[in-house]
Each structure stands twice: as structure tokens, then as C-alpha cells.
């Protein structure tokens, strides 16, 4: 089993949500890529909950995974091995 990439910091700005691993790798998602997040207010975007595997916006009923975020950034490319990315509480 591969050691998971561990997320220890998550933040947003006007256009993106970012996650940073304890090893320094950073990845992001653009809010414009998801209709509910694109159309949300800044306050709604800021109202998220972190879980072991991703980010959830309760008021928007939207979920995004850390694994997908880091795969899209090329940090953890898709392949034969699973990309395991987790949030440390």
C-alpha cells in the first residue's frame, strides 16, 4: 500500500480552492468548472467542510475530491497505482 499524500492546508480566493500537502505540493480547482460553485456567492464558497477525502459545500450540495484535484494538477497522475490523497485533521 502506498503512503497517502497528506493535505494539511485548504484555502480559497475569488476564483479557486487550493489544497497543500505536508510535502509542499499544491493543487487547485477553478470554481468556474462547476456550475454550482461558479454561480455561488463568495460567502457560499467559503462555507465548506473538509473530510478525509475531499471538500463538501453543504448549502450547495457539491463535493470535490482531493484525489481528483491532485490528479488534475499532475502531482498524482492516473495510472495503475491508486492516487491516495487524504486530509489531516
N, C-alpha and C. Protein backbone atom coordinates (compact mmCIF):
# COMPACT_ATOMS: atom_id res chain seq x y z
N UNK A 1 0.84 -1.18 0.00
CA UNK A 1 0.00 0.00 0.00
C UNK A 1 0.88 1.25 0.00
N UNK A 2 0.52 2.23 -0.77
CA UNK A 2 1.26 3.47 -0.89
C UNK A 2 0.90 4.42 0.25
N UNK A 3 1.89 5.15 0.73
CA UNK A 3 1.62 6.16 1.76
C UNK A 3 0.81 7.29 1.13
N UNK A 4 -0.28 7.69 1.76
CA UNK A 4 -1.11 8.75 1.17
C UNK A 4 -0.41 10.10 1.18
N UNK A 5 -0.76 10.90 0.19
CA UNK A 5 -0.35 12.30 0.16
C UNK A 5 -1.27 13.01 1.16
N UNK A 6 -0.71 13.65 2.16
CA UNK A 6 -1.49 14.20 3.25
C UNK A 6 -1.68 15.71 3.11
N UNK A 7 -2.94 16.12 3.07
CA UNK A 7 -3.31 17.53 2.95
C UNK A 7 -3.36 18.14 4.35
N UNK A 8 -2.72 19.31 4.50
CA UNK A 8 -2.77 19.96 5.81
C UNK A 8 -3.26 21.41 5.73
N UNK A 9 -3.50 21.91 4.50
CA UNK A 9 -3.96 23.30 4.37
C UNK A 9 -4.90 23.41 3.17
N UNK A 10 -6.03 24.08 3.37
CA UNK A 10 -7.00 24.33 2.31
C UNK A 10 -7.44 25.79 2.44
N UNK A 11 -7.51 26.49 1.30
CA UNK A 11 -7.95 27.89 1.31
C UNK A 11 -8.58 28.24 -0.03
N UNK A 12 -9.28 29.37 -0.04
CA UNK A 12 -9.94 29.82 -1.27
C UNK A 12 -9.55 31.27 -1.56
N UNK A 13 -9.74 31.65 -2.83
CA UNK A 13 -9.72 33.06 -3.21
C UNK A 13 -10.96 33.28 -4.06
N UNK A 14 -11.02 34.34 -4.81
CA UNK A 14 -12.23 34.64 -5.59
C UNK A 14 -12.52 33.62 -6.68
N UNK A 15 -11.51 32.91 -7.15
CA UNK A 15 -11.69 32.03 -8.31
C UNK A 15 -11.34 30.56 -8.10
N UNK A 16 -10.60 30.25 -7.05
CA UNK A 16 -10.10 28.89 -6.86
C UNK A 16 -10.23 28.41 -5.43
N UNK A 17 -10.20 27.08 -5.27
CA UNK A 17 -9.95 26.47 -3.97
C UNK A 17 -8.64 25.71 -4.11
N UNK A 18 -7.80 25.83 -3.09
CA UNK A 18 -6.46 25.26 -3.10
C UNK A 18 -6.31 24.26 -1.97
N UNK A 19 -5.43 23.29 -2.20
CA UNK A 19 -5.06 22.35 -1.14
C UNK A 19 -3.55 22.17 -1.21
N UNK A 20 -2.93 22.11 -0.03
CA UNK A 20 -1.49 21.93 0.04
C UNK A 20 -1.18 20.70 0.89
N UNK A 21 -0.25 19.89 0.40
CA UNK A 21 0.19 18.71 1.13
C UNK A 21 1.30 19.08 2.10
N UNK A 22 1.51 18.24 3.08
CA UNK A 22 2.57 18.49 4.06
C UNK A 22 3.94 18.52 3.38
N UNK A 23 4.05 17.90 2.22
CA UNK A 23 5.31 17.87 1.47
C UNK A 23 5.48 19.08 0.58
N UNK A 24 4.47 19.99 0.56
CA UNK A 24 4.57 21.24 -0.19
C UNK A 24 3.84 21.29 -1.52
N UNK A 25 3.47 20.13 -2.07
CA UNK A 25 2.73 20.14 -3.33
C UNK A 25 1.39 20.86 -3.15
N UNK A 26 1.04 21.66 -4.13
CA UNK A 26 -0.22 22.41 -4.09
C UNK A 26 -1.01 22.15 -5.36
N UNK A 27 -2.31 22.01 -5.21
CA UNK A 27 -3.21 21.83 -6.34
C UNK A 27 -4.43 22.70 -6.13
N UNK A 28 -5.18 22.93 -7.21
CA UNK A 28 -6.37 23.78 -7.09
C UNK A 28 -7.44 23.34 -8.06
N UNK A 29 -8.65 23.78 -7.77
CA UNK A 29 -9.80 23.65 -8.67
C UNK A 29 -10.31 25.06 -8.93
N UNK A 30 -10.67 25.33 -10.16
CA UNK A 30 -11.29 26.61 -10.51
C UNK A 30 -12.79 26.50 -10.27
N UNK A 31 -13.36 27.47 -9.57
CA UNK A 31 -14.79 27.45 -9.30
C UNK A 31 -15.62 27.43 -10.58
N UNK A 32 -15.12 28.03 -11.64
CA UNK A 32 -15.86 28.09 -12.91
C UNK A 32 -16.08 26.72 -13.54
N UNK A 33 -15.35 25.70 -13.10
CA UNK A 33 -15.50 24.36 -13.66
C UNK A 33 -16.74 23.63 -13.14
N UNK A 34 -17.38 24.18 -12.12
CA UNK A 34 -18.59 23.58 -11.55
C UNK A 34 -19.67 24.65 -11.47
N UNK A 35 -20.80 24.39 -12.08
CA UNK A 35 -21.87 25.39 -12.16
C UNK A 35 -22.30 25.89 -10.80
N UNK A 36 -22.50 24.99 -9.85
CA UNK A 36 -22.97 25.43 -8.53
C UNK A 36 -21.94 26.33 -7.83
N UNK A 37 -20.66 26.04 -8.02
CA UNK A 37 -19.62 26.88 -7.40
C UNK A 37 -19.41 28.17 -8.19
N UNK A 38 -19.54 28.09 -9.50
CA UNK A 38 -19.41 29.30 -10.33
C UNK A 38 -20.49 30.31 -9.98
N UNK A 39 -21.72 29.83 -9.77
CA UNK A 39 -22.86 30.70 -9.51
C UNK A 39 -23.00 31.09 -8.04
N UNK A 40 -22.18 30.52 -7.17
CA UNK A 40 -22.29 30.78 -5.73
C UNK A 40 -21.67 32.13 -5.35
N UNK A 41 -22.13 32.66 -4.24
CA UNK A 41 -21.53 33.88 -3.69
C UNK A 41 -20.20 33.51 -3.02
N UNK A 42 -19.39 34.50 -2.73
CA UNK A 42 -18.14 34.25 -2.01
C UNK A 42 -18.41 33.64 -0.64
N UNK A 43 -19.48 34.08 0.00
CA UNK A 43 -19.83 33.54 1.31
C UNK A 43 -20.20 32.06 1.21
N UNK A 44 -20.96 31.69 0.16
CA UNK A 44 -21.33 30.29 -0.03
C UNK A 44 -20.10 29.44 -0.33
N UNK A 45 -19.19 29.96 -1.13
CA UNK A 45 -17.96 29.22 -1.44
C UNK A 45 -17.11 29.01 -0.20
N UNK A 46 -17.12 30.00 0.68
CA UNK A 46 -16.31 29.92 1.90
C UNK A 46 -16.89 28.98 2.95
N UNK A 47 -18.14 28.58 2.76
CA UNK A 47 -18.81 27.70 3.72
C UNK A 47 -18.65 26.24 3.30
N UNK A 48 -17.43 25.72 3.47
CA UNK A 48 -17.15 24.33 3.10
C UNK A 48 -16.70 23.53 4.32
N UNK A 49 -16.80 22.22 4.18
CA UNK A 49 -16.40 21.29 5.22
C UNK A 49 -15.37 20.34 4.62
N UNK A 50 -14.30 20.09 5.36
CA UNK A 50 -13.27 19.18 4.90
C UNK A 50 -13.49 17.80 5.49
N UNK A 51 -13.31 16.79 4.67
CA UNK A 51 -13.38 15.41 5.13
C UNK A 51 -12.08 14.72 4.77
N UNK A 52 -11.97 13.49 5.14
CA UNK A 52 -10.78 12.70 4.87
C UNK A 52 -10.41 12.71 3.39
N UNK A 53 -11.41 12.65 2.50
CA UNK A 53 -11.14 12.54 1.07
C UNK A 53 -11.46 13.74 0.22
N UNK A 54 -12.06 14.79 0.80
CA UNK A 54 -12.41 15.91 -0.06
C UNK A 54 -13.05 17.08 0.63
N UNK A 55 -13.75 17.86 -0.18
CA UNK A 55 -14.34 19.13 0.24
C UNK A 55 -15.84 19.06 -0.05
N UNK A 56 -16.64 19.52 0.90
CA UNK A 56 -18.10 19.50 0.73
C UNK A 56 -18.66 20.87 1.05
N UNK A 57 -19.57 21.33 0.16
CA UNK A 57 -20.30 22.58 0.38
C UNK A 57 -21.74 22.20 0.69
N UNK A 58 -22.13 22.16 1.98
CA UNK A 58 -23.47 21.71 2.35
C UNK A 58 -24.59 22.51 1.70
N UNK A 59 -24.49 23.82 1.68
CA UNK A 59 -25.57 24.65 1.12
C UNK A 59 -25.69 24.50 -0.38
N UNK A 60 -24.62 24.08 -1.03
CA UNK A 60 -24.62 23.94 -2.49
C UNK A 60 -24.76 22.50 -2.95
N UNK A 61 -24.68 21.56 -2.01
CA UNK A 61 -24.72 20.13 -2.31
C UNK A 61 -23.66 19.77 -3.36
N UNK A 62 -22.44 20.22 -3.13
CA UNK A 62 -21.33 19.98 -4.05
C UNK A 62 -20.19 19.32 -3.29
N UNK A 63 -19.57 18.34 -3.92
CA UNK A 63 -18.43 17.64 -3.35
C UNK A 63 -17.31 17.56 -4.37
N UNK A 64 -16.09 17.79 -3.94
CA UNK A 64 -14.91 17.65 -4.79
C UNK A 64 -13.87 16.84 -4.03
N UNK A 65 -13.16 15.98 -4.74
CA UNK A 65 -12.18 15.12 -4.08
C UNK A 65 -10.77 15.70 -4.16
N UNK A 66 -10.00 15.44 -3.13
CA UNK A 66 -8.59 15.82 -3.14
C UNK A 66 -7.84 15.01 -4.20
N UNK A 67 -8.19 13.74 -4.32
CA UNK A 67 -7.53 12.89 -5.30
C UNK A 67 -7.66 13.47 -6.70
N UNK A 68 -8.87 13.86 -7.09
CA UNK A 68 -9.09 14.45 -8.41
C UNK A 68 -8.34 15.76 -8.58
N UNK A 69 -8.28 16.55 -7.53
CA UNK A 69 -7.58 17.82 -7.58
C UNK A 69 -6.09 17.61 -7.87
N UNK A 70 -5.48 16.68 -7.17
CA UNK A 70 -4.05 16.44 -7.35
C UNK A 70 -3.75 15.68 -8.63
N UNK A 71 -4.69 14.85 -9.08
CA UNK A 71 -4.53 14.21 -10.39
C UNK A 71 -4.58 15.26 -11.50
N UNK A 72 -5.53 16.18 -11.43
CA UNK A 72 -5.66 17.24 -12.45
C UNK A 72 -4.43 18.13 -12.48
N UNK A 73 -3.78 18.30 -11.34
CA UNK A 73 -2.58 19.14 -11.27
C UNK A 73 -1.33 18.40 -11.74
N UNK A 74 -1.46 17.10 -11.99
CA UNK A 74 -0.31 16.31 -12.43
C UNK A 74 0.60 15.86 -11.30
N UNK A 75 0.21 16.14 -10.07
CA UNK A 75 1.02 15.75 -8.91
C UNK A 75 0.89 14.26 -8.66
N UNK A 76 -0.27 13.76 -8.89
CA UNK A 76 -0.59 12.36 -8.62
C UNK A 76 -1.29 11.80 -9.87
N UNK A 77 -0.52 11.50 -10.93
CA UNK A 77 -1.15 11.12 -12.19
C UNK A 77 -1.90 9.80 -12.12
N UNK A 78 -2.95 9.71 -12.92
CA UNK A 78 -3.71 8.47 -13.02
C UNK A 78 -2.83 7.40 -13.65
N UNK A 79 -3.03 6.20 -13.22
CA UNK A 79 -2.25 5.10 -13.76
C UNK A 79 -2.66 3.81 -13.08
N UNK A 80 -1.75 2.88 -13.08
CA UNK A 80 -2.04 1.58 -12.47
C UNK A 80 -2.16 1.68 -10.96
N UNK A 81 -1.39 2.57 -10.36
CA UNK A 81 -1.44 2.72 -8.90
C UNK A 81 -2.49 3.75 -8.53
N UNK A 82 -3.16 3.49 -7.42
CA UNK A 82 -4.17 4.43 -6.92
C UNK A 82 -3.49 5.68 -6.35
N UNK A 83 -4.07 6.82 -6.62
CA UNK A 83 -3.61 8.07 -6.05
C UNK A 83 -4.36 8.26 -4.74
N UNK A 84 -3.67 8.21 -3.64
CA UNK A 84 -4.31 8.28 -2.35
C UNK A 84 -3.97 9.63 -1.72
N UNK A 85 -4.97 10.52 -1.63
CA UNK A 85 -4.77 11.85 -1.07
C UNK A 85 -5.78 12.03 0.04
N UNK A 86 -5.31 12.39 1.23
CA UNK A 86 -6.19 12.49 2.40
C UNK A 86 -5.95 13.80 3.15
N UNK A 87 -6.95 14.23 3.88
CA UNK A 87 -6.86 15.44 4.72
C UNK A 87 -6.53 15.02 6.15
N UNK A 88 -5.57 15.71 6.73
CA UNK A 88 -5.22 15.50 8.14
C UNK A 88 -6.00 16.48 9.00
N UNK A 89 -6.70 15.98 9.97
CA UNK A 89 -7.47 16.86 10.86
C UNK A 89 -6.62 17.33 11.99
